[in-house]
Amino acid sequence: MFLISSSVHGSDEHGRLLRRTLMRYVNLTSLLIFRSVSTAVYKRFPTMDHVVEAARTSIKHILPASFEMRSF
């Protein structure tokens, strides 16, 4: 995370969105690696549909109720 925040410059909206997107890819990559290594993680996320559903569930707790998700 520190490497991404120090490498991607800019305090504007574009820089913030780029850093956030890169961290999402890093987290997804970590999950996929842990899925291939750990039996417990594989049982929690047996398919990519389970990963997507878990992401949607966690996002619903963060976003306001008026927010509508169109694509994920």
N, C-alpha and C. Protein backbone atom coordinates (compact mmCIF):
# COMPACT_ATOMS: atom_id res chain seq x y z
N MET A 1 0.83 -1.18 0.00
CA MET A 1 0.00 0.00 0.00
C MET A 1 0.88 1.26 0.00
N PHE A 2 1.93 1.23 0.80
CA PHE A 2 2.81 2.38 0.86
C PHE A 2 3.48 2.63 -0.48
N LEU A 3 3.87 1.55 -1.15
CA LEU A 3 4.52 1.68 -2.44
C LEU A 3 3.58 2.32 -3.47
N ILE A 4 2.33 1.92 -3.45
CA ILE A 4 1.35 2.51 -4.38
C ILE A 4 1.11 3.96 -4.06
N SER A 5 0.94 4.29 -2.78
CA SER A 5 0.66 5.67 -2.42
C SER A 5 1.85 6.59 -2.68
N SER A 6 3.06 6.04 -2.60
CA SER A 6 4.23 6.88 -2.87
C SER A 6 4.56 6.96 -4.36
N SER A 7 4.11 5.98 -5.14
CA SER A 7 4.42 5.97 -6.56
C SER A 7 3.41 6.73 -7.41
N VAL A 8 2.15 6.71 -7.00
CA VAL A 8 1.10 7.38 -7.76
C VAL A 8 0.90 8.76 -7.15
N HIS A 9 1.32 9.77 -7.86
CA HIS A 9 1.28 11.14 -7.35
C HIS A 9 -0.04 11.82 -7.70
N GLY A 10 -0.32 12.85 -6.97
CA GLY A 10 -1.50 13.65 -7.25
C GLY A 10 -2.47 13.62 -6.09
N SER A 11 -2.92 14.79 -5.72
CA SER A 11 -3.92 14.89 -4.65
C SER A 11 -5.29 15.19 -5.22
N ASP A 12 -5.41 15.13 -6.53
CA ASP A 12 -6.70 15.40 -7.16
C ASP A 12 -7.53 14.12 -7.22
N GLU A 13 -8.70 14.23 -7.79
CA GLU A 13 -9.64 13.11 -7.88
C GLU A 13 -9.07 11.96 -8.71
N HIS A 14 -8.39 12.26 -9.80
CA HIS A 14 -7.83 11.22 -10.66
C HIS A 14 -6.79 10.38 -9.90
N GLY A 15 -5.90 11.02 -9.18
CA GLY A 15 -4.89 10.29 -8.43
C GLY A 15 -5.50 9.42 -7.35
N ARG A 16 -6.50 9.95 -6.67
CA ARG A 16 -7.17 9.20 -5.61
C ARG A 16 -7.86 7.97 -6.18
N LEU A 17 -8.57 8.13 -7.30
CA LEU A 17 -9.26 7.00 -7.91
C LEU A 17 -8.28 5.96 -8.44
N LEU A 18 -7.16 6.41 -8.98
CA LEU A 18 -6.15 5.48 -9.46
C LEU A 18 -5.56 4.67 -8.31
N ARG A 19 -5.23 5.33 -7.20
CA ARG A 19 -4.70 4.61 -6.03
C ARG A 19 -5.73 3.61 -5.49
N ARG A 20 -6.98 4.02 -5.43
CA ARG A 20 -8.04 3.13 -4.92
C ARG A 20 -8.21 1.91 -5.83
N THR A 21 -8.20 2.13 -7.14
CA THR A 21 -8.35 1.04 -8.08
C THR A 21 -7.18 0.07 -7.99
N LEU A 22 -5.98 0.61 -7.88
CA LEU A 22 -4.80 -0.26 -7.76
C LEU A 22 -4.86 -1.10 -6.49
N MET A 23 -5.31 -0.52 -5.39
CA MET A 23 -5.43 -1.27 -4.13
C MET A 23 -6.51 -2.34 -4.23
N ARG A 24 -7.57 -2.07 -4.96
CA ARG A 24 -8.60 -3.10 -5.16
C ARG A 24 -8.02 -4.28 -5.93
N TYR A 25 -7.22 -4.01 -6.96
CA TYR A 25 -6.58 -5.08 -7.71
C TYR A 25 -5.59 -5.86 -6.83
N VAL A 26 -4.86 -5.17 -5.98
CA VAL A 26 -3.92 -5.83 -5.07
C VAL A 26 -4.68 -6.74 -4.12
N ASN A 27 -5.79 -6.25 -3.57
CA ASN A 27 -6.57 -7.07 -2.64
C ASN A 27 -7.18 -8.28 -3.34
N LEU A 28 -7.68 -8.09 -4.55
CA LEU A 28 -8.24 -9.22 -5.29
C LEU A 28 -7.17 -10.24 -5.62
N THR A 29 -5.99 -9.78 -6.02
CA THR A 29 -4.88 -10.69 -6.31
C THR A 29 -4.49 -11.47 -5.07
N SER A 30 -4.44 -10.82 -3.93
CA SER A 30 -4.11 -11.51 -2.67
C SER A 30 -5.15 -12.58 -2.36
N LEU A 31 -6.41 -12.24 -2.55
CA LEU A 31 -7.47 -13.21 -2.29
C LEU A 31 -7.34 -14.43 -3.21
N LEU A 32 -7.05 -14.19 -4.48
CA LEU A 32 -6.92 -15.31 -5.41
C LEU A 32 -5.72 -16.19 -5.06
N ILE A 33 -4.63 -15.58 -4.61
CA ILE A 33 -3.46 -16.36 -4.19
C ILE A 33 -3.78 -17.14 -2.93
N PHE A 34 -4.41 -16.50 -1.95
CA PHE A 34 -4.77 -17.19 -0.72
C PHE A 34 -5.75 -18.33 -0.99
N ARG A 35 -6.64 -18.15 -1.97
CA ARG A 35 -7.58 -19.20 -2.35
C ARG A 35 -6.86 -20.44 -2.86
N SER A 36 -5.79 -20.22 -3.60
CA SER A 36 -5.06 -21.36 -4.16
C SER A 36 -4.16 -22.03 -3.13
N VAL A 37 -3.85 -21.34 -2.04
CA VAL A 37 -2.93 -21.89 -1.04
C VAL A 37 -3.66 -22.43 0.18
N SER A 38 -4.69 -21.73 0.63
CA SER A 38 -5.34 -22.06 1.89
C SER A 38 -6.68 -22.77 1.66
N THR A 39 -6.86 -23.87 2.34
CA THR A 39 -8.11 -24.61 2.26
C THR A 39 -9.26 -23.82 2.89
N ALA A 40 -8.98 -23.13 3.98
CA ALA A 40 -10.03 -22.36 4.66
C ALA A 40 -10.55 -21.24 3.77
N VAL A 41 -9.65 -20.55 3.09
CA VAL A 41 -10.07 -19.47 2.20
C VAL A 41 -10.81 -20.04 1.00
N TYR A 42 -10.37 -21.19 0.50
CA TYR A 42 -11.05 -21.81 -0.63
C TYR A 42 -12.47 -22.24 -0.25
N LYS A 43 -12.64 -22.72 0.98
CA LYS A 43 -13.98 -23.09 1.43
C LYS A 43 -14.88 -21.87 1.57
N ARG A 44 -14.30 -20.74 1.96
CA ARG A 44 -15.07 -19.50 2.10
C ARG A 44 -15.44 -18.92 0.74
N PHE A 45 -14.55 -19.03 -0.24
CA PHE A 45 -14.76 -18.50 -1.59
C PHE A 45 -14.51 -19.60 -2.63
N PRO A 46 -15.42 -20.56 -2.76
CA PRO A 46 -15.18 -21.66 -3.72
C PRO A 46 -15.26 -21.23 -5.18
N THR A 47 -16.05 -20.22 -5.49
CA THR A 47 -16.14 -19.74 -6.87
C THR A 47 -16.00 -18.23 -6.89
N MET A 48 -15.82 -17.67 -8.08
CA MET A 48 -15.73 -16.21 -8.20
C MET A 48 -17.07 -15.55 -7.87
N ASP A 49 -18.17 -16.28 -8.03
CA ASP A 49 -19.47 -15.72 -7.65
C ASP A 49 -19.52 -15.44 -6.15
N HIS A 50 -18.89 -16.28 -5.35
CA HIS A 50 -18.85 -16.05 -3.90
C HIS A 50 -18.01 -14.81 -3.58
N VAL A 51 -16.95 -14.60 -4.32
CA VAL A 51 -16.11 -13.41 -4.11
C VAL A 51 -16.91 -12.15 -4.44
N VAL A 52 -17.62 -12.17 -5.55
CA VAL A 52 -18.42 -11.01 -5.97
C VAL A 52 -19.53 -10.74 -4.96
N GLU A 53 -20.19 -11.79 -4.49
CA GLU A 53 -21.28 -11.62 -3.53
C GLU A 53 -20.75 -11.05 -2.20
N ALA A 54 -19.58 -11.51 -1.76
CA ALA A 54 -18.98 -10.98 -0.54
C ALA A 54 -18.63 -9.51 -0.71
N ALA A 55 -18.14 -9.13 -1.88
CA ALA A 55 -17.81 -7.72 -2.13
C ALA A 55 -19.07 -6.87 -2.13
N ARG A 56 -20.13 -7.36 -2.74
CA ARG A 56 -21.38 -6.60 -2.76
C ARG A 56 -21.95 -6.44 -1.37
N THR A 57 -21.87 -7.48 -0.56
CA THR A 57 -22.38 -7.42 0.81
C THR A 57 -21.60 -6.41 1.63
N SER A 58 -20.27 -6.42 1.51
CA SER A 58 -19.46 -5.49 2.30
C SER A 58 -19.65 -4.05 1.83
N ILE A 59 -19.88 -3.85 0.54
CA ILE A 59 -20.08 -2.50 0.03
C ILE A 59 -21.42 -1.94 0.51
N LYS A 60 -22.42 -2.79 0.64
CA LYS A 60 -23.73 -2.32 1.10
C LYS A 60 -23.65 -1.72 2.51
N HIS A 61 -22.73 -2.22 3.33
CA HIS A 61 -22.59 -1.69 4.69
C HIS A 61 -21.90 -0.33 4.69
N ILE A 62 -21.11 -0.05 3.66
CA ILE A 62 -20.35 1.20 3.61
C ILE A 62 -21.13 2.31 2.94
N LEU A 63 -21.81 1.98 1.85
CA LEU A 63 -22.51 3.00 1.05
C LEU A 63 -23.85 3.37 1.67
N PRO A 64 -24.30 4.59 1.42
CA PRO A 64 -25.62 4.98 1.92
C PRO A 64 -26.73 4.19 1.23
N ALA A 65 -27.88 4.12 1.86
CA ALA A 65 -28.99 3.33 1.33
C ALA A 65 -29.50 3.87 -0.01
N SER A 66 -29.30 5.15 -0.26
CA SER A 66 -29.81 5.76 -1.49
C SER A 66 -28.93 5.44 -2.70
N PHE A 67 -27.74 4.87 -2.48
CA PHE A 67 -26.82 4.58 -3.58
C PHE A 67 -27.28 3.34 -4.32
N GLU A 68 -27.27 3.41 -5.65
CA GLU A 68 -27.69 2.28 -6.48
C GLU A 68 -26.48 1.73 -7.22
N MET A 69 -26.21 0.44 -7.04
CA MET A 69 -25.09 -0.20 -7.74
C MET A 69 -25.56 -0.65 -9.10
N ARG A 70 -24.93 -0.16 -10.14
CA ARG A 70 -25.31 -0.54 -11.49
C ARG A 70 -24.41 -1.62 -12.05
N SER A 71 -23.13 -1.55 -11.76
CA SER A 71 -22.21 -2.60 -12.22
C SER A 71 -21.11 -2.76 -11.19
N PHE A 72 -20.59 -3.96 -11.13
CA PHE A 72 -19.52 -4.23 -10.17
C PHE A 72 -18.49 -5.12 -10.78
